[in-house]
């Protein structure tokens, strides 16, 4: 990976980037969500630890209406978080709500829409 992506994916930078979601700025939030997606999609180790930055809660707290970038980030990351991957053999037979990191904060029907219909439909439902 390029050094820039490695630096941005460091725990310290990921925490700072995630905290920018709390600004609720309609220009910053979608940009940060896109940057997080770009940085994490090639770094499985950091991707699986995104939950530890609070990014899921910060993203879902965003009150704006431009949610497509946030939905794309959630689609990329919600099934790939370390606590959920540790389910072992039970992972494949578990319900979507149990496999997804979003399972304890969103109804299973919304998570199902994210997985089945994609981020565009999910963003319109939020």
Foldseek 3Di string as FASTA:
>chain_A
DDPVLVVCLPPVNLLVLLVQLQVLPPVSNLVSLQVVCVSPVVPLVSLQDSVVSVSVVSLVPRPDLPNLSVLQSQLSRFQRHDVLVVPPPCNVVDQQLSSGPCNVPDPSVLSVCCVPVHSVVSSVVD
